[in-house]
Every structure is written in C-alpha cells, then in structure tokens.
Protein backbone atom coordinates (compact mmCIF):
# COMPACT_ATOMS: atom_id res chain seq x y z
CA MET A 1 -0.04 -0.16 0.15
CA LYS A 2 0.88 3.55 -0.73
CA GLN A 3 2.31 5.27 1.80
CA LYS A 4 0.59 8.67 2.87
CA GLU A 5 2.55 11.72 2.13
CA TRP A 6 3.33 13.64 4.95
CA PHE A 7 1.68 16.84 4.33
CA VAL A 8 -1.78 15.26 4.24
CA ASP A 9 -2.30 14.09 8.03
CA TRP A 10 0.07 17.56 9.54
CA PHE A 11 -2.12 19.90 7.44
CA ASP A 12 -5.02 18.54 8.24
CA SER A 13 -4.19 18.35 11.93
CA LYS A 14 -6.15 20.96 14.57
CA TYR A 15 -2.15 20.45 15.79
CA TYR A 16 -0.63 22.13 12.55
CA HIS A 17 -2.92 25.54 13.50
CA ILE A 18 -2.06 25.02 17.17
CA LEU A 19 1.63 25.03 16.60
CA TYR A 20 2.16 27.70 14.16
CA GLN A 21 -0.82 30.18 15.26
CA ASP A 22 1.04 32.88 16.40
CA ARG A 23 2.47 33.51 12.69
CA ASP A 24 3.07 37.40 11.84
CA TYR A 25 -0.31 39.19 9.98
CA ASN A 26 1.26 42.28 10.36
CA GLU A 27 4.25 40.87 8.24
CA ALA A 28 1.75 39.48 6.12
CA GLU A 29 -0.13 42.18 4.79
CA ILE A 30 2.69 44.03 4.85
CA PHE A 31 4.26 41.84 2.19
CA MET A 32 0.98 41.58 -0.11
CA THR A 33 1.29 45.64 -0.02
CA ASN A 34 4.45 45.82 -1.13
CA LEU A 35 4.49 42.77 -4.16
CA VAL A 36 0.66 44.27 -5.85
CA LYS A 37 2.36 47.54 -5.68
CA PHE A 38 5.75 46.64 -7.03
CA LEU A 39 3.82 44.43 -9.85
CA ASN A 40 1.60 46.50 -10.54
CA LEU A 41 -1.96 44.85 -10.62
CA ASN A 42 -4.73 46.39 -10.90
CA LYS A 43 -8.20 45.79 -9.10
CA ALA A 44 -9.53 44.10 -11.80
CA SER A 45 -7.11 41.09 -11.32
CA PHE A 46 -8.26 37.80 -10.96
CA ILE A 47 -6.06 36.26 -7.98
CA LEU A 48 -4.85 32.56 -7.02
CA ASP A 49 -3.86 32.32 -3.84
CA LEU A 50 -1.50 28.81 -3.84
CA ALA A 51 -1.72 26.47 -0.98
CA CYS A 52 -3.61 29.47 0.82
CA GLY A 53 -3.94 27.30 4.26
CA ARG A 54 -6.38 29.48 6.16
CA GLY A 55 -5.90 32.21 4.41
CA ARG A 56 -5.00 34.75 5.42
CA HIS A 57 -3.28 36.38 2.36
CA SER A 58 -6.59 35.69 -0.02
CA VAL A 59 -8.37 37.71 2.85
CA PHE A 60 -6.28 40.52 2.54
CA LEU A 61 -5.46 40.44 -0.82
CA ASN A 62 -9.09 40.59 -1.00
CA GLN A 63 -9.57 43.72 0.84
CA LEU A 64 -7.10 45.09 -1.37
CA GLY A 65 -9.98 45.20 -3.76
CA PHE A 66 -8.88 42.50 -5.75
CA THR A 67 -11.36 38.71 -6.93
CA VAL A 68 -9.42 36.28 -5.16
CA ASN A 69 -9.58 32.72 -5.06
CA GLY A 70 -7.55 30.44 -2.41
CA MET A 71 -6.89 26.73 -2.76
CA ASP A 72 -5.67 24.42 -0.42
CA LEU A 73 -5.06 20.36 -0.03
CA SER A 74 -6.54 20.66 3.71
CA LYS A 75 -10.44 20.56 3.92
CA ASN A 76 -9.83 21.53 7.43
CA SER A 77 -8.58 24.47 6.30
CA ILE A 78 -10.55 25.21 3.56
CA ASP A 79 -13.66 24.80 5.57
CA PHE A 80 -12.10 27.37 8.41
CA ALA A 81 -11.51 30.35 5.29
CA LYS A 82 -14.89 29.76 4.00
CA LYS A 83 -16.43 31.79 6.56
CA PHE A 84 -14.83 34.56 5.33
CA GLU A 85 -16.49 34.21 1.18
CA ASN A 86 -18.15 36.64 -0.36
CA ASP A 87 -18.79 37.70 -3.81
CA THR A 88 -15.16 37.99 -4.63
CA LEU A 89 -13.44 35.93 -2.68
CA ASN A 90 -13.92 31.93 -2.70
CA PHE A 91 -11.94 29.07 -1.11
CA ASP A 92 -11.69 25.47 -2.71
CA VAL A 93 -10.09 22.29 -2.20
CA HIS A 94 -7.07 21.23 -4.92
CA ASP A 95 -3.88 19.73 -4.96
CA MET A 96 -1.89 22.20 -6.74
CA ARG A 97 -0.38 18.66 -8.58
CA ILE A 98 -3.93 18.96 -10.32
CA PRO A 99 -4.23 21.56 -13.28
CA PHE A 100 -6.64 24.75 -12.92
CA ASP A 101 -9.37 24.83 -14.34
CA THR A 102 -9.32 28.48 -14.62
CA LYS A 103 -6.94 31.43 -15.56
CA TYR A 104 -5.58 34.19 -13.68
CA ASN A 105 -3.88 37.50 -13.43
CA ALA A 106 -1.87 36.39 -10.67
CA ILE A 107 -1.26 32.76 -8.74
CA PHE A 108 0.83 33.42 -5.27
CA ASN A 109 2.61 30.75 -4.07
CA LEU A 110 3.56 31.68 -0.43
CA PHE A 111 4.98 30.79 3.03
CA THR A 112 7.30 27.85 1.45
CA SER A 113 4.23 26.04 0.02
CA PHE A 114 6.50 24.49 -2.51
CA GLY A 115 9.12 21.88 -2.07
CA TYR A 116 7.38 19.01 -0.72
CA PHE A 117 7.70 16.61 -3.32
CA ASN A 118 10.51 14.02 -3.81
CA ASP A 119 11.62 14.31 -7.34
CA ASP A 120 12.10 16.98 -9.86
CA GLU A 121 9.30 16.20 -12.17
CA THR A 122 6.69 17.16 -9.87
CA ASN A 123 8.16 20.43 -8.98
CA ILE A 124 8.39 21.21 -12.19
CA LYS A 125 4.63 19.94 -13.06
CA VAL A 126 3.43 22.18 -10.44
CA LEU A 127 4.86 25.61 -12.17
CA LYS A 128 3.92 23.86 -15.56
CA ASN A 129 0.47 24.28 -13.96
CA ILE A 130 0.58 27.85 -12.55
CA LYS A 131 2.20 28.74 -16.00
CA ASN A 132 -0.94 27.26 -17.52
CA GLY A 133 -3.07 28.90 -14.76
CA LEU A 134 -1.91 32.09 -16.05
CA HIS A 135 -3.30 34.80 -18.52
CA LYS A 136 -1.22 35.70 -21.40
CA ASN A 137 0.32 38.63 -19.83
CA GLY A 138 0.32 37.13 -15.99
CA ILE A 139 2.53 37.00 -13.88
CA ALA A 140 3.66 34.62 -10.46
CA VAL A 141 5.31 34.74 -7.24
CA ILE A 142 6.72 31.70 -5.75
CA ASP A 143 7.97 32.92 -1.79
CA PHE A 144 10.61 29.76 -0.60
CA MET A 145 13.11 29.86 2.10
CA ASN A 146 16.55 30.55 1.52
CA ILE A 147 18.03 27.50 1.92
CA GLU A 148 21.56 29.08 2.49
CA THR A 149 20.43 31.01 5.60
CA VAL A 150 18.26 28.24 6.78
CA LYS A 151 21.02 25.59 7.63
CA LYS A 152 23.40 28.17 9.12
CA GLY A 153 20.72 28.94 11.19
CA LEU A 154 19.19 25.63 11.70
CA VAL A 155 17.97 24.95 15.47
CA LYS A 156 18.65 21.39 16.25
CA LYS A 157 16.28 21.17 19.47
CA GLU A 158 13.88 22.81 20.52
CA MET A 159 10.40 22.72 23.47
CA ILE A 160 7.70 25.45 21.95
CA ILE A 161 4.43 25.32 24.36
CA LYS A 162 1.54 27.01 22.65
CA ASN A 163 -2.09 27.09 24.06
CA ASP A 164 -5.11 25.41 22.19
CA LYS A 165 -7.08 28.06 21.62
CA PHE A 166 -9.62 26.67 19.15
CA THR A 167 -11.32 24.11 21.72
CA ALA A 168 -13.40 24.27 24.29
CA LEU A 169 -10.96 22.67 26.93
CA SER A 170 -8.40 25.73 26.97
CA ARG A 171 -4.53 23.78 27.97
CA ASN A 172 -1.13 23.87 26.93
CA ILE A 173 0.50 21.17 24.73
CA GLU A 174 4.33 21.28 24.60
CA PHE A 175 5.46 20.21 21.27
CA CYS A 176 9.29 18.92 21.24
CA ILE A 177 11.06 19.62 17.73
CA THR A 178 14.29 18.14 15.92
CA ARG A 179 15.46 19.19 12.80
CA LYS A 180 18.31 18.00 10.26
CA VAL A 181 19.12 18.06 6.86
CA THR A 182 19.37 14.80 4.95
CA GLY A 183 20.09 13.89 1.72
CA ASN A 184 18.35 16.99 -0.19
CA ASN A 185 15.73 17.50 2.69
CA ILE A 186 15.24 19.81 5.62
CA ILE A 187 13.49 17.05 8.20
CA LYS A 188 11.27 18.39 11.04
CA ASP A 189 9.96 16.01 13.65
CA ILE A 190 7.19 16.90 15.89
CA LYS A 191 6.66 15.11 18.83
CA PHE A 192 4.20 16.06 22.21
CA GLU A 193 1.15 14.42 24.05
CA ASP A 194 -1.90 15.76 24.36
CA ASP A 195 -4.93 13.75 26.75
CA LYS A 196 -2.64 11.44 27.29
CA ILE A 197 -2.08 10.65 23.72
CA LYS A 198 1.20 10.55 22.13
CA TYR A 199 1.62 12.30 18.23
CA HIS A 200 4.86 11.97 16.02
CA PHE A 201 4.26 14.21 12.77
CA THR A 202 6.50 15.18 10.62
CA GLU A 203 8.04 17.66 7.99
CA LYS A 204 9.79 17.25 5.03
CA VAL A 205 10.83 20.81 2.41
CA GLN A 206 13.91 20.23 -0.51
CA CYS A 207 16.60 21.63 -0.15
CA LEU A 208 16.54 23.47 -3.23
CA SER A 209 18.91 26.27 -3.92
CA PHE A 210 18.16 29.24 -6.28
CA GLU A 211 20.16 27.75 -8.92
CA THR A 212 17.68 24.37 -8.61
CA ILE A 213 14.55 26.53 -8.64
CA LYS A 214 15.63 28.78 -11.78
CA ASN A 215 16.23 25.25 -13.83
CA TYR A 216 12.90 24.56 -12.86
CA ILE A 217 11.26 27.83 -14.23
CA PHE A 218 13.43 27.43 -17.53
CA GLU A 219 12.16 23.57 -17.84
CA ALA A 220 8.11 24.97 -16.79
CA GLY A 221 8.34 27.05 -20.00
CA LEU A 222 8.30 30.56 -17.80
CA GLN A 223 11.02 33.45 -17.23
CA LEU A 224 12.65 34.69 -14.11
CA LYS A 225 11.70 38.33 -13.82
CA HIS A 226 12.61 39.64 -10.38
CA THR A 227 14.09 37.98 -7.47
CA PHE A 228 13.53 39.27 -3.69
CA GLY A 229 15.45 38.48 -0.72
CA ASP A 230 12.47 39.78 2.56
CA TYR A 231 9.18 40.69 2.30
CA SER A 232 10.30 44.42 1.84
CA LEU A 233 11.13 43.13 -1.48
CA ASN A 234 15.33 43.80 -0.65
CA LYS A 235 17.32 42.59 -2.86
CA PHE A 236 18.11 38.84 -2.85
CA GLU A 237 21.74 38.09 -0.95
CA ILE A 238 22.33 34.20 -1.45
CA LYS A 239 24.69 34.41 2.15
CA ASP A 240 22.41 36.12 4.61
CA SER A 241 18.80 36.46 2.70
CA LYS A 242 15.52 35.49 4.72
CA ARG A 243 13.45 34.24 1.74
CA LEU A 244 14.00 33.84 -2.18
CA ILE A 245 11.28 35.20 -3.65
CA LEU A 246 10.91 34.80 -7.56
CA VAL A 247 8.29 36.80 -9.74
CA VAL A 248 7.83 34.47 -12.89
CA GLY A 249 6.08 35.02 -16.36
CA LEU A 250 5.35 33.84 -19.45
CA ASP A 251 8.37 36.10 -21.50
C-alpha cells in the first residue's frame, strides 16, 4: 500500500494550527501590500492564492480590492477559510499537482508552500500548472526559503509550548521539535502528547537552491523576472537573505 504523504495528515490536523498560531499577520499584510504595488496589479485582477492555508493572504488581498480564489489541499483549512467568502473571495480544496480549470492574472504560492515533493519532475509539473493557469500577461510569485541561511541557522532541538485556543478545553501543549538535514531534505520531527495520547508528525521540505529553482522555472517554460530576499522586497543576497522570492512570467 502506498504510504500517505506527510503533509496530508499534518496540514489537516488541528495541531498544525496550534503550533503555528502566532504567525505574523502584520508581516503578511506588508508583504502583500508591497507585492501588489510592485507588480502594479489593477483591481480587476483575478488572483489565485495557491496553498492558501486558512486564507490569511487571500482575505487581505480581497480587502485590497482584488477578486481572489484560495486553494489548499487541507479540507479543514478550507472549511475554516470559507467563513470569509463573499462575491469576490472563494476557497476550494485543490492539489497543486492537478491543473486548474480557470486562468488568473496572478498566482501566488507563499510561505514555503513549494518543495514538498520527492522528485524534480513533480516540482516542474507544479510550475507547469502555474504557467498554464496564467493569462497571457500573467505573473506568478514563488515565496520560498533561502536554503543557505536556513541551513546555517538550523535549530536542532527546541521545546515550544502553545495553548490550544481552538477547543473549549483550553490547555497547553508542549511540542518537542528536532530538525536535521538528511540528503536533500530538511526534516522537522514534531512530537507531543495531548489528553494522554502521543503524537508524531514530520515535515519534510526539499533543500532547493536558487540555481535548482531557476532550472525548474526554465524547464516549466517560465521566465524569471525578479528576485527578492525578504518581504520588504529588498535585493536577494544568497549568503544572508531570509527568503527567496521569485517573480516569474510567460515571456
């Protein structure tokens, strides 16, 4: 029997959202504001937020005046996001490895929502789906980690205590997290106990270098337009930038 991919259960688990509940919404809003201004997107643009999670970027983009479609593999995340839907904002369960039925003016793949798979071919397939999902003058943005700085600053082990704010029984959960680089992957093991039940989840993201991703972009038939190193859209510096943000287009 085929082994289930790590992200299927983990992203659909309430514990994923408990662990990452303190994500910086202000930072996300600054990034989106900077990005749409730089791309000079007009308010008639139709944007796809690919791997949208619970929709924090989608909701803010919609508040800026854009029509937005958020897609994610996690049904639980999409069910949560749907409470924000309106005439110009909708959410769907979708696997990015499957082509889209609609074309968009812009496609955003944010917060390291790339590199989950085990082979080059699947990564290129995702980029081809993005290419085929763009209108003629469309633009796509891949927001990935800068693998060079991540490896240098890798915290091998830590304990993180988070409060379960999502159930009536509010309680603290202690997450034991270990990280390591194995082959071409960064592996994060997440262990904890809740209500006397022990849990173990794993995150695995490929160590994709700038050169590797550029090759993927070329193979997918896209062109690299711009590269940034943080959410303020400063220049990408391979030795010390926190992020690797790539703006790509059809020509």
